Amino acid sequence: MKRVLVTGGAGYVGAVLAPKLLNAGFSVRVLDLCIYGEHVLDTSQEHLELVKGDLRDAALVDRALRDCDAVIHLACISNDPSFELDLELGKSINFDCFRPLVEASKRAGVQRFVYASSSSVYGVKKEDKVTETLPREPLTDYSRFKALCEDVLLEYQSPEFTTVIVRPATVCGYSPRLRLDLTVNILTNHAVNNRKIRVFGGGQHRPNIHIEDITDLYVQLLQLPAGAIGGKTWNAGYENASVEEIAHTVRGVVGDENVEIAHEPTDDLRSYRICSEKIERDIGFRPSHTISDAVQDLLTAFEAGKIPDSMTDPRYFNIKTMQTLGLK
């Protein structure tokens, strides 16, 4: 593996992943609409190329794939609220262009294709250990299309075309392309800037993984032998914490007992958990960064002035940015 195409590489995860790939010795080509800005990537770096454009543009995709050995596919309309803004837009980006991307990758001679699916494909389970053996029961169109893309990709697995599917937990922590619409990040933003954390319900569990860990995993998946990962599907998470527990963790790290935790009722009491023991058994991957680490990283960034206007700037919130741009 020498050159890797990262779709969505100027997004929340991609902006942390791209520098790591460079440090690991890869040439990196990013394909992204850059609706959150090009500044999140240092395009002056040698071996980093930014292709600004739409994943639905087949000719552009063919050009972006030229001379690539691997693809890490991150690009999508991310999370349920953003997807539901425009169902046709979501389907066109998250599903309709997926098979064409996989087929174009094969034609271009790509040897390895890593797909970032979602742990939301399981839906809500009663089991405490939600493993890869349990059936997928997606509750939303976003999750349903993630599951359908998994099925498509596995059709193409072969000794010459190694495919691997990752089902990440909710990512948390600081990125140059920061999202403040994810549970840990939301609560930290409010604790720092409002001195108040609103907890709706609180008993609902959410699986989490630090952005440093999930990006380390994607790098590792390019370095392992094909036989160790080909055709595999893995959960990737660390802590299954309740929203109440996350709120208290945030307050503890922020270090201000005057931060109020305000409880409010909610009709949405769904809990999500995932078990990530299989990926540790299979390839030795075990996350090492905690929710507390993610909060501390965000707090450090706030104190350094790296997150201005965090309560109002649309660039930190996917749904607000999409509404502002009117993306079609």
C-alpha atoms as a PDB file:
ATOM      1  CA  MET A   1       0.000   0.000   0.000  1.00  0.00           C
ATOM      2  CA  LYS A   2       1.528   3.282  -1.122  1.00  0.00           C
ATOM      3  CA  ARG A   3      -1.211   5.734  -2.130  1.00  0.00           C
ATOM      4  CA  VAL A   4      -4.573   5.835  -0.393  1.00  0.00           C
ATOM      5  CA  LEU A   5      -7.706   7.706  -1.402  1.00  0.00           C
ATOM      6  CA  VAL A   6      -9.689   8.960   1.583  1.00  0.00           C
ATOM      7  CA  THR A   7     -13.214   9.956   0.623  1.00  0.00           C
ATOM      8  CA  GLY A   8     -14.531  12.538   3.071  1.00  0.00           C
ATOM      9  CA  GLY A   9     -10.946  13.139   4.137  1.00  0.00           C
ATOM     10  CA  ALA A  10     -11.631  16.795   5.012  1.00  0.00           C
ATOM     11  CA  GLY A  11     -14.322  15.787   7.500  1.00  0.00           C
ATOM     12  CA  TYR A  12     -14.264  15.258  11.256  1.00  0.00           C
ATOM     13  CA  VAL A  13     -12.451  11.909  11.197  1.00  0.00           C
ATOM     14  CA  GLY A  14     -10.570  12.494   7.942  1.00  0.00           C
ATOM     15  CA  ALA A  15      -8.866  15.658   9.179  1.00  0.00           C
ATOM     16  CA  VAL A  16      -7.198  13.601  11.939  1.00  0.00           C
ATOM     17  CA  LEU A  17      -6.638  10.527   9.767  1.00  0.00           C
ATOM     18  CA  ALA A  18      -4.869  12.181   6.823  1.00  0.00           C
ATOM     19  CA  PRO A  19      -1.838  13.410   8.825  1.00  0.00           C
ATOM     20  CA  LYS A  20      -1.516   9.988  10.469  1.00  0.00           C
ATOM     21  CA  LEU A  21      -1.438   8.271   7.086  1.00  0.00           C
ATOM     22  CA  LEU A  22       1.284  10.668   5.947  1.00  0.00           C
ATOM     23  CA  ASN A  23       3.286   9.961   9.094  1.00  0.00           C
ATOM     24  CA  ALA A  24       2.912   6.233   8.417  1.00  0.00           C
ATOM     25  CA  GLY A  25       4.516   6.700   5.006  1.00  0.00           C
ATOM     26  CA  PHE A  26       1.485   6.760   2.724  1.00  0.00           C
ATOM     27  CA  SER A  27       0.749   9.227  -0.039  1.00  0.00           C
ATOM     28  CA  VAL A  28      -2.735  10.569   0.611  1.00  0.00           C
ATOM     29  CA  ARG A  29      -5.322  11.817  -1.845  1.00  0.00           C
ATOM     30  CA  VAL A  30      -8.481  13.302  -0.325  1.00  0.00           C
ATOM     31  CA  LEU A  31     -11.764  13.528  -2.226  1.00  0.00           C
ATOM     32  CA  ASP A  32     -14.167  15.875  -0.478  1.00  0.00           C
ATOM     33  CA  LEU A  33     -16.725  18.588  -1.170  1.00  0.00           C
ATOM     34  CA  CYS A  34     -14.987  20.648   1.540  1.00  0.00           C
ATOM     35  CA  ILE A  35     -18.237  22.193   2.737  1.00  0.00           C
ATOM     36  CA  TYR A  36     -16.616  22.731   6.143  1.00  0.00           C
ATOM     37  CA  GLY A  37     -13.559  24.379   4.612  1.00  0.00           C
ATOM     38  CA  GLU A  38     -10.259  23.354   3.058  1.00  0.00           C
ATOM     39  CA  HIS A  39      -8.268  24.816   5.956  1.00  0.00           C
ATOM     40  CA  VAL A  40      -8.647  21.615   8.000  1.00  0.00           C
ATOM     41  CA  LEU A  41      -5.920  19.981   5.880  1.00  0.00           C
ATOM     42  CA  ASP A  42      -2.403  21.283   5.410  1.00  0.00           C
ATOM     43  CA  THR A  43      -2.302  20.903   1.644  1.00  0.00           C
ATOM     44  CA  SER A  44       1.230  22.286   1.537  1.00  0.00           C
ATOM     45  CA  GLN A  45       2.450  18.954   2.885  1.00  0.00           C
ATOM     46  CA  GLU A  46       4.315  16.742   0.489  1.00  0.00           C
ATOM     47  CA  HIS A  47       2.381  13.606  -0.518  1.00  0.00           C
ATOM     48  CA  LEU A  48      -1.008  15.147   0.362  1.00  0.00           C
ATOM     49  CA  GLU A  49      -3.340  15.999  -2.502  1.00  0.00           C
ATOM     50  CA  LEU A  50      -6.839  17.455  -2.191  1.00  0.00           C
ATOM     51  CA  VAL A  51      -9.387  16.760  -4.918  1.00  0.00           C
ATOM     52  CA  LYS A  52     -12.338  19.049  -4.297  1.00  0.00           C
ATOM     53  CA  GLY A  53     -15.523  17.585  -5.690  1.00  0.00           C
ATOM     54  CA  ASP A  54     -18.559  15.359  -5.442  1.00  0.00           C
ATOM     55  CA  LEU A  55     -18.501  11.610  -4.914  1.00  0.00           C
ATOM     56  CA  ARG A  56     -21.451  11.398  -7.323  1.00  0.00           C
ATOM     57  CA  ASP A  57     -19.286  12.694 -10.195  1.00  0.00           C
ATOM     58  CA  ALA A  58     -18.168   9.412 -11.809  1.00  0.00           C
ATOM     59  CA  ALA A  59     -15.500  11.000 -13.997  1.00  0.00           C
ATOM     60  CA  LEU A  60     -13.998  12.826 -11.028  1.00  0.00           C
ATOM     61  CA  VAL A  61     -14.012   9.631  -8.981  1.00  0.00           C
ATOM     62  CA  ASP A  62     -12.140   7.818 -11.756  1.00  0.00           C
ATOM     63  CA  ARG A  63      -9.483  10.546 -11.768  1.00  0.00           C
ATOM     64  CA  ALA A  64      -9.208  10.508  -7.986  1.00  0.00           C
ATOM     65  CA  LEU A  65      -8.661   6.740  -7.984  1.00  0.00           C
ATOM     66  CA  ARG A  66      -5.806   6.852 -10.470  1.00  0.00           C
ATOM     67  CA  ASP A  67      -2.682   5.125  -9.076  1.00  0.00           C
ATOM     68  CA  CYS A  68      -4.338   4.410  -5.717  1.00  0.00           C
ATOM     69  CA  ASP A  69      -3.626   1.168  -3.886  1.00  0.00           C
ATOM     70  CA  ALA A  70      -6.292   1.557  -1.196  1.00  0.00           C
ATOM     71  CA  VAL A  71      -9.523   3.395  -0.411  1.00  0.00           C
ATOM     72  CA  ILE A  72     -10.805   4.426   3.006  1.00  0.00           C
ATOM     73  CA  HIS A  73     -14.418   5.410   2.449  1.00  0.00           C
ATOM     74  CA  LEU A  74     -15.562   7.904   5.088  1.00  0.00           C
ATOM     75  CA  ALA A  75     -17.711  10.218   2.951  1.00  0.00           C
ATOM     76  CA  CYS A  76     -21.412  10.297   3.765  1.00  0.00           C
ATOM     77  CA  ILE A  77     -24.243  12.439   5.025  1.00  0.00           C
ATOM     78  CA  SER A  78     -23.519  11.664   8.639  1.00  0.00           C
ATOM     79  CA  ASN A  79     -26.082  10.839  11.325  1.00  0.00           C
ATOM     80  CA  ASP A  80     -29.873  10.597  11.292  1.00  0.00           C
ATOM     81  CA  PRO A  81     -30.883  14.293  11.589  1.00  0.00           C
ATOM     82  CA  SER A  82     -28.580  15.357   8.740  1.00  0.00           C
ATOM     83  CA  PHE A  83     -29.759  12.490   6.556  1.00  0.00           C
ATOM     84  CA  GLU A  84     -33.422  13.250   7.220  1.00  0.00           C
ATOM     85  CA  LEU A  85     -33.036  16.867   6.073  1.00  0.00           C
ATOM     86  CA  ASP A  86     -33.179  15.620   2.490  1.00  0.00           C
ATOM     87  CA  LEU A  87     -33.773  11.900   2.066  1.00  0.00           C
ATOM     88  CA  GLU A  88     -33.016  11.905  -1.651  1.00  0.00           C
ATOM     89  CA  LEU A  89     -29.734  13.727  -1.119  1.00  0.00           C
ATOM     90  CA  GLY A  90     -28.787  11.300   1.647  1.00  0.00           C
ATOM     91  CA  LYS A  91     -29.604   8.255  -0.459  1.00  0.00           C
ATOM     92  CA  SER A  92     -27.731   9.619  -3.482  1.00  0.00           C
ATOM     93  CA  ILE A  93     -24.516  10.134  -1.489  1.00  0.00           C
ATOM     94  CA  ASN A  94     -24.699   7.331   1.066  1.00  0.00           C
ATOM     95  CA  PHE A  95     -25.972   4.542  -1.176  1.00  0.00           C
ATOM     96  CA  ASP A  96     -26.562   5.237  -4.868  1.00  0.00           C
ATOM     97  CA  CYS A  97     -22.938   6.044  -5.636  1.00  0.00           C
ATOM     98  CA  PHE A  98     -21.479   3.316  -3.413  1.00  0.00           C
ATOM     99  CA  ARG A  99     -21.506   0.403  -5.852  1.00  0.00           C
ATOM    100  CA  PRO A 100     -20.133   2.627  -8.651  1.00  0.00           C
ATOM    101  CA  LEU A 101     -17.305   3.675  -6.288  1.00  0.00           C
ATOM    102  CA  VAL A 102     -16.460   0.062  -5.441  1.00  0.00           C
ATOM    103  CA  GLU A 103     -16.523  -0.977  -9.087  1.00  0.00           C
ATOM    104  CA  ALA A 104     -14.425   2.008 -10.131  1.00  0.00           C
ATOM    105  CA  SER A 105     -11.944   1.101  -7.384  1.00  0.00           C
ATOM    106  CA  LYS A 106     -11.599  -2.423  -8.743  1.00  0.00           C
ATOM    107  CA  ARG A 107     -11.128  -1.149 -12.295  1.00  0.00           C
ATOM    108  CA  ALA A 108      -8.423   1.237 -11.089  1.00  0.00           C
ATOM    109  CA  GLY A 109      -6.441  -1.595  -9.518  1.00  0.00           C
ATOM    110  CA  VAL A 110      -7.186  -0.745  -5.901  1.00  0.00           C
ATOM    111  CA  GLN A 111      -6.184  -3.671  -3.702  1.00  0.00           C
ATOM    112  CA  ARG A 112      -7.889  -2.760  -0.422  1.00  0.00           C
ATOM    113  CA  PHE A 113     -11.198  -1.047   0.416  1.00  0.00           C
ATOM    114  CA  VAL A 114     -12.023  -0.032   3.999  1.00  0.00           C
ATOM    115  CA  TYR A 115     -15.625   1.019   4.637  1.00  0.00           C
ATOM    116  CA  ALA A 116     -16.707   3.118   7.615  1.00  0.00           C
ATOM    117  CA  SER A 117     -20.166   1.776   8.363  1.00  0.00           C
ATOM    118  CA  SER A 118     -21.913   2.473  11.685  1.00  0.00           C
ATOM    119  CA  SER A 119     -22.760   0.639  14.883  1.00  0.00           C
ATOM    120  CA  SER A 120     -26.285   2.012  14.430  1.00  0.00           C
ATOM    121  CA  VAL A 121     -26.972  -0.830  11.958  1.00  0.00           C
ATOM    122  CA  TYR A 122     -27.882  -3.012  14.953  1.00  0.00           C
ATOM    123  CA  GLY A 123     -30.787  -0.840  16.032  1.00  0.00           C
ATOM    124  CA  VAL A 124     -31.760  -1.194  19.691  1.00  0.00           C
ATOM    125  CA  LYS A 125     -30.852  -4.517  21.292  1.00  0.00           C
ATOM    126  CA  LYS A 126     -31.775  -6.017  24.659  1.00  0.00           C
ATOM    127  CA  GLU A 127     -28.440  -7.808  24.884  1.00  0.00           C
ATOM    128  CA  ASP A 128     -25.694  -6.197  26.955  1.00  0.00           C
ATOM    129  CA  LYS A 129     -23.093  -7.530  24.513  1.00  0.00           C
ATOM    130  CA  VAL A 130     -24.028  -6.464  21.016  1.00  0.00           C
ATOM    131  CA  THR A 131     -21.626  -8.529  18.925  1.00  0.00           C
ATOM    132  CA  GLU A 132     -21.169  -8.905  15.183  1.00  0.00           C
ATOM    133  CA  THR A 133     -23.149 -12.178  15.303  1.00  0.00           C
ATOM    134  CA  LEU A 134     -26.409 -10.401  16.156  1.00  0.00           C
ATOM    135  CA  PRO A 135     -28.777  -9.481  13.317  1.00  0.00           C
ATOM    136  CA  ARG A 136     -28.773  -5.949  11.941  1.00  0.00           C
ATOM    137  CA  GLU A 137     -32.076  -4.188  12.564  1.00  0.00           C
ATOM    138  CA  PRO A 138     -31.558  -0.578  11.443  1.00  0.00           C
ATOM    139  CA  LEU A 139     -34.225   1.836  12.613  1.00  0.00           C
ATOM    140  CA  THR A 140     -33.574   4.725  10.221  1.00  0.00           C
ATOM    141  CA  ASP A 141     -32.795   5.270   6.553  1.00  0.00           C
ATOM    142  CA  TYR A 142     -29.286   6.392   7.479  1.00  0.00           C
ATOM    143  CA  SER A 143     -28.605   3.084   9.231  1.00  0.00           C
ATOM    144  CA  ARG A 144     -30.438   1.042   6.606  1.00  0.00           C
ATOM    145  CA  PHE A 145     -28.279   2.369   3.784  1.00  0.00           C
ATOM    146  CA  LYS A 146     -25.136   1.765   5.853  1.00  0.00           C
ATOM    147  CA  ALA A 147     -26.196  -1.869   6.171  1.00  0.00           C
ATOM    148  CA  LEU A 148     -26.995  -2.149   2.460  1.00  0.00           C
ATOM    149  CA  CYS A 149     -23.548  -0.783   1.572  1.00  0.00           C
ATOM    150  CA  GLU A 150     -21.995  -3.488   3.738  1.00  0.00           C
ATOM    151  CA  ASP A 151     -23.828  -6.113   1.687  1.00  0.00           C
ATOM    152  CA  VAL A 152     -22.698  -4.538  -1.575  1.00  0.00           C
ATOM    153  CA  LEU A 153     -19.048  -4.401  -0.529  1.00  0.00           C
ATOM    154  CA  LEU A 154     -18.913  -8.030   0.550  1.00  0.00           C
ATOM    155  CA  GLU A 155     -20.008  -9.067  -2.948  1.00  0.00           C
ATOM    156  CA  TYR A 156     -16.650  -7.839  -4.246  1.00  0.00           C
ATOM    157  CA  GLN A 157     -14.345  -9.467  -1.689  1.00  0.00           C
ATOM    158  CA  SER A 158     -11.637 -11.499  -3.426  1.00  0.00           C
ATOM    159  CA  PRO A 159      -7.943 -12.347  -3.011  1.00  0.00           C
ATOM    160  CA  GLU A 160      -7.179  -9.421  -5.343  1.00  0.00           C
ATOM    161  CA  PHE A 161      -9.621  -6.971  -3.744  1.00  0.00           C
ATOM    162  CA  THR A 162      -9.534  -6.994   0.054  1.00  0.00           C
ATOM    163  CA  THR A 163     -12.603  -5.532   1.726  1.00  0.00           C
ATOM    164  CA  VAL A 164     -13.137  -4.740   5.396  1.00  0.00           C
ATOM    165  CA  ILE A 165     -16.084  -3.174   7.210  1.00  0.00           C
ATOM    166  CA  VAL A 166     -15.774  -1.159  10.429  1.00  0.00           C
ATOM    167  CA  ARG A 167     -18.806  -0.331  12.569  1.00  0.00           C
ATOM    168  CA  PRO A 168     -17.574   2.545  14.739  1.00  0.00           C
ATOM    169  CA  ALA A 169     -19.170   3.745  17.932  1.00  0.00           C
ATOM    170  CA  THR A 170     -19.904   7.467  18.210  1.00  0.00           C
ATOM    171  CA  VAL A 171     -16.606   9.286  17.769  1.00  0.00           C
ATOM    172  CA  CYS A 172     -15.538  11.930  20.282  1.00  0.00           C
ATOM    173  CA  GLY A 173     -12.636  14.318  20.813  1.00  0.00           C
ATOM    174  CA  TYR A 174     -10.942  17.215  19.064  1.00  0.00           C
ATOM    175  CA  SER A 175     -10.387  17.519  15.315  1.00  0.00           C
ATOM    176  CA  PRO A 176      -9.367  20.470  13.131  1.00  0.00           C
ATOM    177  CA  ARG A 177     -12.774  19.938  11.464  1.00  0.00           C
ATOM    178  CA  LEU A 178     -14.622  19.820  14.731  1.00  0.00           C
ATOM    179  CA  ARG A 179     -18.120  18.505  15.249  1.00  0.00           C
ATOM    180  CA  LEU A 180     -20.023  19.761  18.271  1.00  0.00           C
ATOM    181  CA  ASP A 181     -23.147  17.745  17.488  1.00  0.00           C
ATOM    182  CA  LEU A 182     -21.936  14.450  19.015  1.00  0.00           C
ATOM    183  CA  THR A 183     -22.822  13.489  22.591  1.00  0.00           C
ATOM    184  CA  VAL A 184     -19.470  13.890  24.383  1.00  0.00           C
ATOM    185  CA  ASN A 185     -18.560  16.966  22.353  1.00  0.00           C
ATOM    186  CA  ILE A 186     -21.987  18.571  22.866  1.00  0.00           C
ATOM    187  CA  LEU A 187     -21.886  18.189  26.632  1.00  0.00           C
ATOM    188  CA  THR A 188     -18.322  19.489  26.828  1.00  0.00           C
ATOM    189  CA  ASN A 189     -19.181  22.565  24.762  1.00  0.00           C
ATOM    190  CA  HIS A 190     -22.102  23.385  27.039  1.00  0.00           C
ATOM    191  CA  ALA A 191     -20.125  22.753  30.222  1.00  0.00           C
ATOM    192  CA  VAL A 192     -17.322  25.074  29.120  1.00  0.00           C
ATOM    193  CA  ASN A 193     -19.416  27.853  27.646  1.00  0.00           C
ATOM    194  CA  ASN A 194     -22.793  27.719  29.417  1.00  0.00           C
ATOM    195  CA  ARG A 195     -21.661  26.188  32.725  1.00  0.00           C
ATOM    196  CA  LYS A 196     -24.738  24.023  32.336  1.00  0.00           C
ATOM    197  CA  ILE A 197     -25.240  20.552  30.870  1.00  0.00           C
ATOM    198  CA  ARG A 198     -28.747  19.575  29.818  1.00  0.00           C
ATOM    199  CA  VAL A 199     -29.365  15.841  30.171  1.00  0.00           C
ATOM    200  CA  PHE A 200     -32.475  14.511  28.454  1.00  0.00           C
ATOM    201  CA  GLY A 201     -33.341  11.367  30.374  1.00  0.00           C
ATOM    202  CA  GLY A 202     -29.848  10.216  31.276  1.00  0.00           C
ATOM    203  CA  GLY A 203     -30.131   6.463  31.553  1.00  0.00           C
ATOM    204  CA  GLN A 204     -29.690   5.867  27.834  1.00  0.00           C
ATOM    205  CA  HIS A 205     -26.381   4.254  26.935  1.00  0.00           C
ATOM    206  CA  ARG A 206     -24.189   5.395  24.060  1.00  0.00           C
ATOM    207  CA  PRO A 207     -21.089   3.612  22.728  1.00  0.00           C
ATOM    208  CA  ASN A 208     -18.087   5.896  22.245  1.00  0.00           C
ATOM    209  CA  ILE A 209     -14.642   5.808  20.687  1.00  0.00           C
ATOM    210  CA  HIS A 210     -11.948   8.488  20.780  1.00  0.00           C
ATOM    211  CA  ILE A 211     -11.035  10.000  17.423  1.00  0.00           C
ATOM    212  CA  GLU A 212      -7.375   9.093  17.977  1.00  0.00           C
ATOM    213  CA  ASP A 213      -8.288   5.424  18.365  1.00  0.00           C
ATOM    214  CA  ILE A 214     -10.566   5.126  15.341  1.00  0.00           C
ATOM    215  CA  THR A 215      -8.009   6.850  13.118  1.00  0.00           C
ATOM    216  CA  ASP A 216      -5.246   4.586  14.455  1.00  0.00           C
ATOM    217  CA  LEU A 217      -7.425   1.632  13.472  1.00  0.00           C
ATOM    218  CA  TYR A 218      -7.833   2.827   9.879  1.00  0.00           C
ATOM    219  CA  VAL A 219      -4.060   3.167   9.541  1.00  0.00           C
ATOM    220  CA  GLN A 220      -3.593  -0.320  10.989  1.00  0.00           C
ATOM    221  CA  LEU A 221      -6.054  -1.782   8.482  1.00  0.00           C
ATOM    222  CA  LEU A 222      -3.781  -0.655   5.657  1.00  0.00           C
ATOM    223  CA  GLN A 223      -0.719  -2.200   7.288  1.00  0.00           C
ATOM    224  CA  LEU A 224      -2.019  -5.660   8.148  1.00  0.00           C
ATOM    225  CA  PRO A 225      -1.769  -8.555   5.682  1.00  0.00           C
ATOM    226  CA  ALA A 226      -4.818  -9.069   3.477  1.00  0.00           C
ATOM    227  CA  GLY A 227      -5.463 -12.506   4.939  1.00  0.00           C
ATOM    228  CA  ALA A 228      -5.957 -11.036   8.400  1.00  0.00           C
ATOM    229  CA  ILE A 229      -8.709  -8.628   7.396  1.00  0.00           C
ATOM    230  CA  GLY A 230     -10.249  -9.740   4.092  1.00  0.00           C
ATOM    231  CA  GLY A 231     -14.051  -9.947   4.205  1.00  0.00           C
ATOM    232  CA  LYS A 232     -14.154  -9.118   7.934  1.00  0.00           C
ATOM    233  CA  THR A 233     -16.671  -6.934   9.747  1.00  0.00           C
ATOM    234  CA  TRP A 234     -15.807  -5.486  13.137  1.00  0.00           C
ATOM    235  CA  ASN A 235     -17.337  -3.305  15.800  1.00  0.00           C
ATOM    236  CA  ALA A 236     -14.994  -0.551  16.976  1.00  0.00           C
ATOM    237  CA  GLY A 237     -15.868   1.020  20.309  1.00  0.00           C
ATOM    238  CA  TYR A 238     -14.520   1.482  23.795  1.00  0.00           C
ATOM    239  CA  GLU A 239     -16.859   2.788  26.488  1.00  0.00           C
ATOM    240  CA  ASN A 240     -20.595   2.133  26.615  1.00  0.00           C
ATOM    241  CA  ALA A 241     -21.541   4.959  28.968  1.00  0.00           C
ATOM    242  CA  SER A 242     -24.910   6.387  29.936  1.00  0.00           C
ATOM    243  CA  VAL A 243     -25.596  10.021  29.093  1.00  0.00           C
ATOM    244  CA  GLU A 244     -25.721  10.680  32.847  1.00  0.00           C
ATOM    245  CA  GLU A 245     -22.263   9.148  33.293  1.00  0.00           C
ATOM    246  CA  ILE A 246     -20.896  11.184  30.394  1.00  0.00           C
ATOM    247  CA  ALA A 247     -22.287  14.387  31.922  1.00  0.00           C
ATOM    248  CA  HIS A 248     -20.569  13.710  35.260  1.00  0.00           C
ATOM    249  CA  THR A 249     -17.321  12.806  33.482  1.00  0.00           C
ATOM    250  CA  VAL A 250     -17.449  16.097  31.577  1.00  0.00           C
ATOM    251  CA  ARG A 251     -18.078  18.107  34.727  1.00  0.00           C
ATOM    252  CA  GLY A 252     -15.227  16.320  36.483  1.00  0.00           C
ATOM    253  CA  VAL A 253     -12.733  17.062  33.705  1.00  0.00           C
ATOM    254  CA  VAL A 254     -13.860  20.668  33.290  1.00  0.00           C
ATOM    255  CA  GLY A 255     -13.131  20.895  37.006  1.00  0.00           C
ATOM    256  CA  ASP A 256     -15.920  23.207  38.039  1.00  0.00           C
ATOM    257  CA  GLU A 257     -18.453  21.865  40.510  1.00  0.00           C
ATOM    258  CA  ASN A 258     -20.600  24.876  39.672  1.00  0.00           C
ATOM    259  CA  VAL A 259     -21.349  23.378  36.264  1.00  0.00           C
ATOM    260  CA  GLU A 260     -25.012  22.499  36.587  1.00  0.00           C
ATOM    261  CA  ILE A 261     -26.357  19.180  35.344  1.00  0.00           C
ATOM    262  CA  ALA A 262     -29.997  19.882  34.500  1.00  0.00           C
ATOM    263  CA  HIS A 263     -32.231  16.855  33.944  1.00  0.00           C
ATOM    264  CA  GLU A 264     -35.070  17.116  31.455  1.00  0.00           C
ATOM    265  CA  PRO A 265     -37.636  14.521  30.393  1.00  0.00           C
ATOM    266  CA  THR A 266     -37.511  12.802  27.021  1.00  0.00           C
ATOM    267  CA  ASP A 267     -39.597  10.289  25.125  1.00  0.00           C
ATOM    268  CA  ASP A 268     -36.470   8.821  23.544  1.00  0.00           C
ATOM    269  CA  LEU A 269     -35.098   6.304  26.024  1.00  0.00           C
ATOM    270  CA  ARG A 270     -33.340   4.100  23.464  1.00  0.00           C
ATOM    271  CA  SER A 271     -29.986   2.694  24.527  1.00  0.00           C
ATOM    272  CA  TYR A 272     -27.221   1.562  22.198  1.00  0.00           C
ATOM    273  CA  ARG A 273     -24.305  -0.638  23.188  1.00  0.00           C
ATOM    274  CA  ILE A 274     -21.695  -2.505  21.204  1.00  0.00           C
ATOM    275  CA  CYS A 275     -19.150  -5.152  22.126  1.00  0.00           C
ATOM    276  CA  SER A 276     -15.735  -4.819  20.499  1.00  0.00           C
ATOM    277  CA  GLU A 277     -14.033  -7.955  21.805  1.00  0.00           C
ATOM    278  CA  LYS A 278     -13.842  -9.613  18.385  1.00  0.00           C
ATOM    279  CA  ILE A 279     -11.563  -7.009  16.808  1.00  0.00           C
ATOM    280  CA  GLU A 280      -9.173  -7.337  19.737  1.00  0.00           C
ATOM    281  CA  ARG A 281      -9.100 -11.123  19.374  1.00  0.00           C
ATOM    282  CA  ASP A 282      -8.669 -10.998  15.618  1.00  0.00           C
ATOM    283  CA  ILE A 283      -6.102  -8.239  15.102  1.00  0.00           C
ATOM    284  CA  GLY A 284      -5.178  -7.046  18.584  1.00  0.00           C
ATOM    285  CA  PHE A 285      -6.899  -3.658  18.302  1.00  0.00           C
ATOM    286  CA  ARG A 286      -7.919  -2.212  21.661  1.00  0.00           C
ATOM    287  CA  PRO A 287      -8.724   1.491  22.090  1.00  0.00           C
ATOM    288  CA  SER A 288      -6.612   3.258  24.693  1.00  0.00           C
ATOM    289  CA  HIS A 289      -8.210   6.711  24.926  1.00  0.00           C
ATOM    290  CA  THR A 290     -11.117   7.369  27.284  1.00  0.00           C
ATOM    291  CA  ILE A 291     -14.080   9.712  27.290  1.00  0.00           C
ATOM    292  CA  SER A 292     -12.162  11.751  29.863  1.00  0.00           C
ATOM    293  CA  ASP A 293      -9.279  12.050  27.395  1.00  0.00           C
ATOM    294  CA  ALA A 294     -11.665  13.333  24.721  1.00  0.00           C
ATOM    295  CA  VAL A 295     -13.108  15.937  27.088  1.00  0.00           C
ATOM    296  CA  GLN A 296      -9.614  17.039  28.136  1.00  0.00           C
ATOM    297  CA  ASP A 297      -8.534  17.417  24.502  1.00  0.00           C
ATOM    298  CA  LEU A 298     -11.574  19.575  23.812  1.00  0.00           C
ATOM    299  CA  LEU A 299     -10.998  21.618  26.972  1.00  0.00           C
ATOM    300  CA  THR A 300      -7.377  22.244  25.957  1.00  0.00           C
ATOM    301  CA  ALA A 301      -8.552  23.397  22.507  1.00  0.00           C
ATOM    302  CA  PHE A 302     -11.128  25.738  24.058  1.00  0.00           C
ATOM    303  CA  GLU A 303      -8.511  27.240  26.361  1.00  0.00           C
ATOM    304  CA  ALA A 304      -6.142  27.735  23.405  1.00  0.00           C
ATOM    305  CA  GLY A 305      -8.798  29.646  21.469  1.00  0.00           C
ATOM    306  CA  LYS A 306      -9.061  27.001  18.742  1.00  0.00           C
ATOM    307  CA  ILE A 307     -12.867  26.756  18.923  1.00  0.00           C
ATOM    308  CA  PRO A 308     -14.269  30.295  18.542  1.00  0.00           C
ATOM    309  CA  ASP A 309     -18.028  30.965  18.514  1.00  0.00           C
ATOM    310  CA  SER A 310     -18.689  27.356  19.442  1.00  0.00           C
ATOM    311  CA  MET A 311     -22.352  27.874  20.309  1.00  0.00           C
ATOM    312  CA  THR A 312     -23.304  29.707  17.133  1.00  0.00           C
ATOM    313  CA  ASP A 313     -20.952  28.986  14.218  1.00  0.00           C
ATOM    314  CA  PRO A 314     -22.725  26.576  11.802  1.00  0.00           C
ATOM    315  CA  ARG A 315     -19.438  24.912  10.790  1.00  0.00           C
ATOM    316  CA  TYR A 316     -19.449  22.864  14.012  1.00  0.00           C
ATOM    317  CA  PHE A 317     -22.890  21.425  13.322  1.00  0.00           C
ATOM    318  CA  ASN A 318     -23.559  19.248  10.284  1.00  0.00           C
ATOM    319  CA  ILE A 319     -27.250  19.970  10.052  1.00  0.00           C
ATOM    320  CA  LYS A 320     -26.795  23.759  10.340  1.00  0.00           C
ATOM    321  CA  THR A 321     -24.115  23.769   7.659  1.00  0.00           C
ATOM    322  CA  MET A 322     -26.279  21.741   5.290  1.00  0.00           C
ATOM    323  CA  GLN A 323     -29.205  24.076   5.871  1.00  0.00           C
ATOM    324  CA  THR A 324     -27.000  27.108   5.248  1.00  0.00           C
ATOM    325  CA  LEU A 325     -25.556  25.735   2.003  1.00  0.00           C
ATOM    326  CA  GLY A 326     -28.720  24.159   0.632  1.00  0.00           C
ATOM    327  CA  LEU A 327     -26.690  21.154  -0.569  1.00  0.00           C
ATOM    328  CA  LYS A 328     -28.374  19.128  -3.310  1.00  0.00           C
END
